[in-house]
Amino acid sequence: MLSAQEQLRIICKGVQTCVSEDELFTKLERSIEKNQPLIIKLGLDPSAPDIHLGHAVVLRKIRQMQELGHLAVIVIGDFTGKIGDPTGKSKGRVALTDEQVKENAVTYCEQIFKVINKEKTIVRFNSEWLSKLCFEDVLKLGATTTVARMLERDDFQNRYRNNVPIGIHEFFYPLMQAYDSVELKADVELGGTDQTFNVLMGRTLQKSMGQEQQVALFVPILEGIDGVEKMSKSLGNYIGVNELPEVMFKKVMEIPDSLIIKYFELATDEHPDTVDGIRKELENGANPRDIKLRLAEVITGLYHSEENVQKAILYYENAFAKKAIPDDIPELFIQNNITTLSEVVPELISEGYVKSRSEFLRLVKQGGVQLNSNKVAGDDVNTVLHNNDVMKIGKKRFVKFIFK
């Protein structure tokens, strides 16, 4: 087992804030002495079940702590999900139904185990304990904090100033999330910087109930491939953990050079010494593209087999570096009754190759669509398609049509 000092260094890699390192070091020393793993808590709001690398930052940190011998407890907020986390919201959230929560939780679990070690993870639902609290318990819970403390949150404060209604039940969201830490006797809780209030509330509640306070680890928000905005599916700047390997590899290659180190720190499990070495390479004039190729290989390898990673590398080199049509490209299965280029557009939209028919026609007009290496002109949209025809859309996307 690694020393407490070495574990602390690995755990704090890429972490923006740790409250506090001294407490964490003490917990790690005790863990080693007693040969007892720390309980690492992560609460998940099952309202958005599609996970991308931005969501995976905390999961990767948990995986690193699991490799150090610690136990992860994932708390699915099926009870708190009925309220909805008010963090960052300008108005109250619509409560999820039991069915929605359960469906999202199943999808979430399928994805998180692409990142964390299932054998070293316990999944709990906070309805197990929160649904059993009586009204007296709830009153005691409410008495542990004040309205003034709740209004310190920017979202509540802004809504109060702008006369936007705040439901009393919304004040209980951070309290209920904090109660999860009490129930689990959590040693460490992770969260994004946008969860600072909620996670610190766990420390407060544990102390008021006579427990040792959990350490709070906050990871930075990861920018998307545009290098500007927070990674988001709605903004289209995301890299999903379920992306095809060639798509994932290509997207990593699109991040700005300025984010290479941040992605190594937050989106990979590379040791701090390795990241320090890469930082020095860049400072000494290494070609960022070469470093980014290594980053793309590492990230893609976290979610796909080595065989598929090598295929993704070959695909990228052929399609984007050599400007050729790659041998191994995504296939789109279409019905035999689709006979023309125009008729296949709805299928391209459905699979995300283009956003709309108007976008497709605009690309055609700009000369940005090729069929079997030949540019498609505006009057060619009724061209008859054949099995195994290859289309290039824009500069980087290829698709092969396969008739069912």
Protein backbone atom coordinates (compact mmCIF):
# COMPACT_ATOMS: atom_id res chain seq x y z
CA MET A 1 0.00 0.00 0.00
CA LEU A 2 1.28 3.46 -0.87
CA SER A 3 2.21 5.88 1.89
CA ALA A 4 -0.29 8.47 3.07
CA GLN A 5 1.83 11.23 1.49
CA GLU A 6 1.91 9.52 -1.92
CA GLN A 7 -1.83 8.77 -1.78
CA LEU A 8 -2.49 12.41 -0.90
CA ARG A 9 -0.51 13.53 -3.96
CA ILE A 10 -2.45 11.23 -6.29
CA ILE A 11 -5.84 12.12 -4.81
CA CYS A 12 -5.18 15.86 -5.04
CA LYS A 13 -4.02 15.73 -8.67
CA GLY A 14 -6.29 18.09 -10.62
CA VAL A 15 -8.39 18.90 -7.54
CA GLN A 16 -9.29 22.57 -7.28
CA THR A 17 -10.03 22.66 -3.54
CA CYS A 18 -9.58 20.19 -0.69
CA VAL A 19 -11.21 20.90 2.67
CA SER A 20 -8.85 20.03 4.15
CA GLU A 21 -5.56 18.34 3.16
CA ASP A 22 -4.49 17.97 6.80
CA GLU A 23 -7.73 16.12 7.63
CA LEU A 24 -7.35 13.92 4.55
CA PHE A 25 -3.74 13.07 5.47
CA THR A 26 -4.86 12.07 8.97
CA LYS A 27 -7.64 9.89 7.57
CA LEU A 28 -5.21 8.23 5.15
CA GLU A 29 -2.70 7.49 7.92
CA ARG A 30 -5.43 5.92 10.03
CA SER A 31 -6.69 3.95 7.03
CA ILE A 32 -3.22 2.48 6.50
CA GLU A 33 -2.70 1.77 10.20
CA LYS A 34 -6.03 -0.04 10.59
CA ASN A 35 -6.02 -1.51 7.07
CA GLN A 36 -9.50 -0.06 6.63
CA PRO A 37 -10.62 1.69 3.42
CA LEU A 38 -11.99 5.21 3.46
CA ILE A 39 -15.64 5.61 2.49
CA ILE A 40 -15.75 7.82 -0.60
CA LYS A 41 -19.17 9.32 -1.28
CA LEU A 42 -20.52 10.64 -4.56
CA GLY A 43 -24.12 11.72 -4.89
CA LEU A 44 -25.72 11.50 -8.34
CA ASP A 45 -28.83 13.38 -9.38
CA PRO A 46 -30.59 10.98 -11.77
CA SER A 47 -32.13 13.73 -13.87
CA ALA A 48 -29.60 13.69 -16.75
CA PRO A 49 -28.48 10.13 -17.44
CA ASP A 50 -26.11 10.76 -20.37
CA ILE A 51 -22.55 10.94 -19.07
CA HIS A 52 -19.73 12.77 -20.85
CA LEU A 53 -16.10 13.42 -19.87
CA GLY A 54 -17.16 16.48 -17.88
CA HIS A 55 -19.33 14.30 -15.64
CA ALA A 56 -16.62 11.66 -15.56
CA VAL A 57 -14.05 13.93 -13.88
CA VAL A 58 -15.32 13.01 -10.39
CA LEU A 59 -15.71 9.38 -11.46
CA ARG A 60 -12.10 9.23 -12.61
CA LYS A 61 -11.03 10.64 -9.25
CA ILE A 62 -13.06 7.95 -7.50
CA ARG A 63 -11.43 5.30 -9.71
CA GLN A 64 -7.99 6.57 -8.65
CA MET A 65 -9.00 6.33 -4.99
CA GLN A 66 -10.37 2.82 -5.55
CA GLU A 67 -6.99 1.81 -6.99
CA LEU A 68 -5.49 3.05 -3.72
CA GLY A 69 -7.72 0.61 -1.83
CA HIS A 70 -10.68 2.75 -0.84
CA LEU A 71 -14.42 2.04 -1.12
CA ALA A 72 -16.78 4.09 -3.26
CA VAL A 73 -20.40 4.58 -2.28
CA ILE A 74 -22.54 5.99 -5.06
CA VAL A 75 -25.71 7.57 -3.73
CA ILE A 76 -28.47 7.68 -6.31
CA GLY A 77 -30.69 10.57 -5.28
CA ASP A 78 -34.00 8.89 -5.99
CA PHE A 79 -35.60 10.68 -3.02
CA THR A 80 -33.86 14.04 -3.48
CA GLY A 81 -34.53 13.74 -7.21
CA LYS A 82 -38.19 14.28 -6.45
CA ILE A 83 -37.23 17.82 -5.44
CA GLY A 84 -34.45 18.43 -7.93
CA ASP A 85 -31.14 20.11 -7.14
CA PRO A 86 -31.76 23.89 -7.21
CA THR A 87 -28.04 24.58 -7.79
CA GLY A 88 -27.62 27.14 -10.55
CA LYS A 89 -31.32 27.27 -11.29
CA SER A 90 -33.20 30.54 -11.74
CA LYS A 91 -36.47 28.86 -10.83
CA GLY A 92 -37.71 25.72 -9.11
CA ARG A 93 -37.09 22.35 -10.73
CA VAL A 94 -39.91 20.12 -11.90
CA ALA A 95 -39.95 17.06 -9.67
CA LEU A 96 -39.18 13.71 -11.30
CA THR A 97 -41.61 10.81 -11.09
CA ASP A 98 -40.57 7.54 -9.45
CA GLU A 99 -40.51 5.89 -12.87
CA GLN A 100 -38.28 8.58 -14.37
CA VAL A 101 -35.87 8.36 -11.45
CA LYS A 102 -35.61 4.56 -11.71
CA GLU A 103 -35.10 4.59 -15.48
CA ASN A 104 -32.43 7.28 -15.26
CA ALA A 105 -30.71 5.50 -12.37
CA VAL A 106 -30.38 2.28 -14.39
CA THR A 107 -28.89 4.20 -17.33
CA TYR A 108 -26.55 6.09 -15.02
CA CYS A 109 -25.25 2.92 -13.38
CA GLU A 110 -24.58 1.30 -16.75
CA GLN A 111 -22.38 4.25 -17.67
CA ILE A 112 -20.55 4.91 -14.39
CA PHE A 113 -19.18 1.38 -14.39
CA LYS A 114 -17.38 2.20 -17.62
CA VAL A 115 -15.26 4.42 -15.37
CA ILE A 116 -15.23 3.13 -11.78
CA ASN A 117 -14.52 -0.36 -10.47
CA LYS A 118 -17.82 -2.14 -9.90
CA GLU A 119 -16.21 -4.61 -7.48
CA LYS A 120 -15.12 -1.76 -5.20
CA THR A 121 -18.40 0.15 -5.37
CA ILE A 122 -21.60 0.08 -3.36
CA VAL A 123 -24.67 1.71 -4.92
CA ARG A 124 -27.27 3.05 -2.49
CA PHE A 125 -30.54 4.92 -3.01
CA ASN A 126 -31.16 7.68 -0.48
CA SER A 127 -34.84 6.79 -0.26
CA GLU A 128 -33.59 3.89 1.92
CA TRP A 129 -33.18 6.30 4.85
CA LEU A 130 -34.79 9.60 3.87
CA SER A 131 -38.22 8.03 3.30
CA LYS A 132 -38.14 6.68 6.87
CA LEU A 133 -37.64 10.02 8.61
CA CYS A 134 -40.63 11.11 10.66
CA PHE A 135 -41.78 14.73 10.86
CA GLU A 136 -39.93 15.23 14.14
CA ASP A 137 -36.71 14.07 12.45
CA VAL A 138 -37.31 16.55 9.62
CA LEU A 139 -37.81 19.40 12.09
CA LYS A 140 -34.56 18.49 13.86
CA LEU A 141 -32.83 18.44 10.47
CA GLY A 142 -34.20 21.87 9.63
CA ALA A 143 -33.02 23.23 12.98
CA THR A 144 -29.36 22.58 12.11
CA THR A 145 -29.16 25.58 9.78
CA THR A 146 -30.76 28.97 9.19
CA VAL A 147 -32.62 30.71 6.39
CA ALA A 148 -29.80 33.27 6.26
CA ARG A 149 -27.31 30.44 5.64
CA MET A 150 -29.44 29.06 2.84
CA LEU A 151 -29.72 32.49 1.26
CA GLU A 152 -25.93 32.65 1.05
CA ARG A 153 -26.30 30.47 -2.04
CA ASP A 154 -26.16 32.59 -5.17
CA ASP A 155 -29.10 30.83 -6.82
CA PHE A 156 -31.42 31.32 -3.82
CA GLN A 157 -30.13 34.84 -3.26
CA ASN A 158 -30.77 35.86 -6.87
CA ARG A 159 -34.25 34.35 -6.86
CA TYR A 160 -35.08 36.12 -3.60
CA ARG A 161 -33.89 39.49 -4.93
CA ASN A 162 -35.82 39.04 -8.17
CA ASN A 163 -39.01 37.95 -6.40
CA VAL A 164 -38.84 34.48 -7.96
CA PRO A 165 -40.61 32.00 -5.65
CA ILE A 166 -38.50 29.66 -3.52
CA GLY A 167 -40.29 26.64 -2.12
CA ILE A 168 -39.55 25.72 1.50
CA HIS A 169 -38.94 22.17 0.28
CA GLU A 170 -36.02 23.42 -1.85
CA PHE A 171 -34.13 24.41 1.31
CA PHE A 172 -34.24 20.76 2.31
CA TYR A 173 -32.32 19.56 -0.76
CA PRO A 174 -28.84 20.41 0.62
CA LEU A 175 -29.92 19.17 4.06
CA MET A 176 -31.07 15.83 2.70
CA GLN A 177 -27.91 15.46 0.65
CA ALA A 178 -25.93 16.25 3.80
CA TYR A 179 -27.92 13.65 5.72
CA ASP A 180 -26.69 11.07 3.20
CA SER A 181 -23.15 11.72 4.50
CA VAL A 182 -24.33 11.19 8.08
CA GLU A 183 -26.04 7.93 7.18
CA LEU A 184 -22.97 6.61 5.34
CA LYS A 185 -20.43 8.02 7.82
CA ALA A 186 -18.60 9.29 4.75
CA ASP A 187 -14.89 10.05 5.04
CA VAL A 188 -14.65 11.93 1.75
CA GLU A 189 -17.23 13.48 -0.56
CA LEU A 190 -16.51 14.59 -4.10
CA GLY A 191 -18.26 17.15 -6.21
CA GLY A 192 -17.80 19.77 -8.88
CA THR A 193 -17.14 23.34 -7.79
CA ASP A 194 -20.81 24.05 -8.45
CA GLN A 195 -21.64 21.66 -5.59
CA THR A 196 -19.58 23.49 -2.96
CA PHE A 197 -22.54 24.54 -0.81
CA ASN A 198 -24.14 21.07 -0.81
CA VAL A 199 -20.94 19.16 -0.01
CA LEU A 200 -19.86 21.54 2.77
CA MET A 201 -23.34 21.19 4.27
CA GLY A 202 -22.45 17.52 4.76
CA ARG A 203 -19.49 18.52 6.92
CA THR A 204 -21.68 20.86 8.94
CA LEU A 205 -24.38 18.26 9.57
CA GLN A 206 -21.89 15.53 10.48
CA LYS A 207 -20.30 17.83 13.06
CA SER A 208 -23.68 18.80 14.55
CA MET A 209 -24.53 15.09 14.89
CA GLY A 210 -21.26 14.18 16.60
CA GLN A 211 -19.51 12.57 13.64
CA GLU A 212 -16.02 13.20 12.30
CA GLN A 213 -16.36 15.59 9.37
CA GLN A 214 -15.90 14.33 5.86
CA VAL A 215 -13.17 15.79 3.66
CA ALA A 216 -14.59 17.77 0.74
CA LEU A 217 -12.88 17.42 -2.63
CA PHE A 218 -13.93 19.79 -5.41
CA VAL A 219 -12.85 19.17 -8.99
CA PRO A 220 -12.83 21.93 -11.60
CA ILE A 221 -15.41 22.28 -14.33
CA LEU A 222 -14.07 20.78 -17.57
CA GLU A 223 -14.40 22.91 -20.68
CA GLY A 224 -15.69 21.22 -23.80
CA ILE A 225 -13.87 20.77 -27.09
CA ASP A 226 -14.60 24.40 -27.97
CA GLY A 227 -12.27 25.37 -25.14
CA VAL A 228 -14.66 28.02 -23.86
CA GLU A 229 -17.91 26.71 -22.41
CA LYS A 230 -18.48 24.04 -19.78
CA MET A 231 -18.76 20.65 -21.48
CA SER A 232 -22.43 20.19 -22.33
CA LYS A 233 -24.44 17.98 -24.62
CA SER A 234 -26.82 20.86 -25.39
CA LEU A 235 -23.87 22.97 -26.58
CA GLY A 236 -22.52 20.15 -28.73
CA ASN A 237 -19.01 20.51 -27.24
CA TYR A 238 -19.05 17.21 -25.34
CA ILE A 239 -17.22 13.88 -25.54
CA GLY A 240 -19.59 11.14 -24.42
CA VAL A 241 -18.32 8.04 -22.63
CA ASN A 242 -20.43 5.95 -25.01
CA GLU A 243 -19.07 7.59 -28.17
CA LEU A 244 -17.66 5.34 -30.90
CA PRO A 245 -13.85 5.09 -30.51
CA GLU A 246 -13.10 6.92 -33.77
CA VAL A 247 -15.49 9.72 -32.78
CA MET A 248 -14.00 9.98 -29.29
CA PHE A 249 -10.44 10.03 -30.64
CA LYS A 250 -11.28 12.69 -33.22
CA LYS A 251 -13.03 14.91 -30.68
CA VAL A 252 -10.08 14.81 -28.27
CA MET A 253 -7.85 15.93 -31.14
CA GLU A 254 -10.11 18.98 -31.54
CA ILE A 255 -9.50 20.45 -28.08
CA PRO A 256 -7.34 23.59 -28.01
CA ASP A 257 -3.68 23.14 -27.12
CA SER A 258 -4.20 25.21 -23.97
CA LEU A 259 -6.36 22.42 -22.49
CA ILE A 260 -3.99 19.50 -23.05
CA ILE A 261 -2.64 19.46 -19.48
CA LYS A 262 -6.07 20.03 -17.95
CA TYR A 263 -7.48 17.06 -19.86
CA PHE A 264 -4.52 14.90 -18.77
CA GLU A 265 -5.21 15.92 -15.16
CA LEU A 266 -9.00 15.60 -15.15
CA ALA A 267 -9.94 13.13 -17.89
CA THR A 268 -7.22 10.48 -17.43
CA ASP A 269 -5.74 8.40 -14.61
CA GLU A 270 -2.14 9.32 -15.47
CA HIS A 271 0.20 9.65 -12.47
CA PRO A 272 1.14 13.21 -11.41
CA ASP A 273 4.78 12.47 -12.38
CA THR A 274 3.65 11.58 -15.91
CA VAL A 275 1.61 14.76 -16.20
CA ASP A 276 4.54 16.82 -14.91
CA GLY A 277 6.73 15.24 -17.58
CA ILE A 278 4.24 16.09 -20.32
CA ARG A 279 4.03 19.67 -19.05
CA LYS A 280 7.83 19.96 -19.32
CA GLU A 281 7.77 18.52 -22.86
CA LEU A 282 5.36 21.23 -23.94
CA GLU A 283 7.39 23.93 -22.19
CA ASN A 284 10.49 22.67 -24.03
CA GLY A 285 8.85 23.06 -27.43
CA ALA A 286 7.26 19.66 -28.12
CA ASN A 287 4.67 19.70 -30.89
CA PRO A 288 1.26 19.96 -29.16
CA ARG A 289 -0.28 17.77 -31.87
CA ASP A 290 2.03 14.88 -30.94
CA ILE A 291 1.12 15.27 -27.26
CA LYS A 292 -2.56 15.47 -28.17
CA LEU A 293 -2.29 12.20 -30.10
CA ARG A 294 -1.06 10.57 -26.89
CA LEU A 295 -3.91 12.18 -24.96
CA ALA A 296 -6.49 10.94 -27.48
CA GLU A 297 -5.04 7.43 -27.28
CA VAL A 298 -5.11 7.43 -23.47
CA ILE A 299 -8.67 8.76 -23.19
CA THR A 300 -10.06 6.48 -25.89
CA GLY A 301 -8.29 3.55 -24.23
CA LEU A 302 -10.13 4.21 -20.97
CA TYR A 303 -13.45 3.41 -22.63
CA HIS A 304 -12.58 1.03 -25.47
CA SER A 305 -10.46 -2.05 -26.15
CA GLU A 306 -6.88 -1.75 -27.37
CA GLU A 307 -7.96 -3.18 -30.73
CA ASN A 308 -10.58 -0.47 -31.18
CA VAL A 309 -8.13 2.22 -30.06
CA GLN A 310 -5.70 1.17 -32.78
CA LYS A 311 -8.51 1.23 -35.33
CA ALA A 312 -9.43 4.74 -34.16
CA ILE A 313 -5.82 5.89 -34.59
CA LEU A 314 -5.66 4.44 -38.09
CA TYR A 315 -9.02 5.96 -38.95
CA TYR A 316 -7.90 9.37 -37.76
CA GLU A 317 -4.60 9.25 -39.61
CA ASN A 318 -6.25 8.14 -42.84
CA ALA A 319 -9.25 10.44 -42.66
CA PHE A 320 -7.75 13.61 -41.26
CA ALA A 321 -3.98 13.45 -41.47
CA LYS A 322 -3.70 11.89 -44.95
CA LYS A 323 -6.97 13.35 -46.24
CA ALA A 324 -7.98 9.92 -47.59
CA ILE A 325 -11.09 7.80 -47.21
CA PRO A 326 -10.39 5.40 -44.32
CA ASP A 327 -11.01 1.69 -44.63
CA ASP A 328 -12.83 1.32 -41.33
CA ILE A 329 -15.58 3.93 -41.05
CA PRO A 330 -18.99 4.06 -39.34
CA GLU A 331 -21.76 2.28 -41.23
CA LEU A 332 -25.31 3.54 -41.57
CA PHE A 333 -27.87 0.82 -42.25
CA ILE A 334 -30.71 2.07 -44.40
CA GLN A 335 -33.85 0.57 -45.91
CA ASN A 336 -33.78 -0.65 -49.49
CA ASN A 337 -36.59 1.75 -50.40
CA ILE A 338 -34.25 4.70 -49.81
CA THR A 339 -32.82 5.22 -53.26
CA THR A 340 -31.54 8.79 -53.50
CA LEU A 341 -29.21 11.11 -51.66
CA SER A 342 -32.11 13.40 -50.78
CA GLU A 343 -34.07 10.54 -49.20
CA VAL A 344 -31.20 9.54 -46.89
CA VAL A 345 -30.97 12.99 -45.24
CA PRO A 346 -33.52 12.15 -42.47
CA GLU A 347 -31.36 9.15 -41.55
CA LEU A 348 -28.27 11.37 -41.40
CA ILE A 349 -30.13 13.78 -39.12
CA SER A 350 -31.38 10.95 -36.89
CA GLU A 351 -27.85 9.60 -36.42
CA GLY A 352 -26.36 13.03 -35.75
CA TYR A 353 -24.28 13.41 -38.90
CA VAL A 354 -26.07 16.69 -39.66
CA LYS A 355 -28.42 18.76 -37.55
CA SER A 356 -31.02 19.53 -40.21
CA ARG A 357 -31.85 19.31 -43.90
CA SER A 358 -31.02 23.00 -44.27
CA GLU A 359 -27.56 22.39 -42.82
CA PHE A 360 -27.02 19.51 -45.25
CA LEU A 361 -28.09 21.60 -48.23
CA ARG A 362 -25.86 24.45 -47.07
CA LEU A 363 -22.87 22.09 -46.91
CA VAL A 364 -23.69 20.82 -50.39
CA LYS A 365 -23.84 24.38 -51.70
CA GLN A 366 -20.45 25.10 -50.10
CA GLY A 367 -18.90 22.00 -51.64
CA GLY A 368 -18.61 20.32 -48.25
CA VAL A 369 -20.27 17.00 -49.17
CA GLN A 370 -18.57 14.26 -51.17
CA LEU A 371 -19.89 10.92 -52.39
CA ASN A 372 -17.15 8.41 -53.15
CA SER A 373 -14.59 11.28 -53.20
CA ASN A 374 -16.66 13.31 -55.70
CA LYS A 375 -18.17 16.62 -54.63
CA VAL A 376 -21.95 16.66 -54.55
CA ALA A 377 -23.39 19.64 -56.44
CA GLY A 378 -26.73 21.21 -55.68
CA ASP A 379 -28.42 19.40 -58.57
CA ASP A 380 -26.96 16.04 -57.49
CA VAL A 381 -29.20 15.57 -54.44
CA ASN A 382 -31.30 13.10 -56.41
CA THR A 383 -28.28 10.96 -57.20
CA VAL A 384 -29.07 7.26 -56.80
CA LEU A 385 -27.32 5.62 -53.84
CA HIS A 386 -25.67 2.22 -54.00
CA ASN A 387 -24.66 -0.24 -51.32
CA ASN A 388 -21.26 0.62 -49.76
CA ASP A 389 -21.28 4.21 -51.07
CA VAL A 390 -19.12 6.42 -48.83
CA MET A 391 -20.10 9.98 -47.98
CA LYS A 392 -17.82 12.62 -46.52
CA ILE A 393 -19.67 15.40 -44.68
CA GLY A 394 -17.67 18.52 -43.92
CA LYS A 395 -13.96 18.06 -43.29
CA LYS A 396 -13.97 15.15 -40.89
CA ARG A 397 -17.07 12.95 -40.93
CA PHE A 398 -17.42 9.82 -43.02
CA VAL A 399 -20.29 7.36 -43.28
CA LYS A 400 -20.77 4.22 -45.36
CA PHE A 401 -24.29 3.35 -46.50
CA ILE A 402 -25.30 -0.29 -46.07
CA PHE A 403 -28.67 -1.42 -47.42
CA LYS A 404 -30.59 -3.75 -45.14
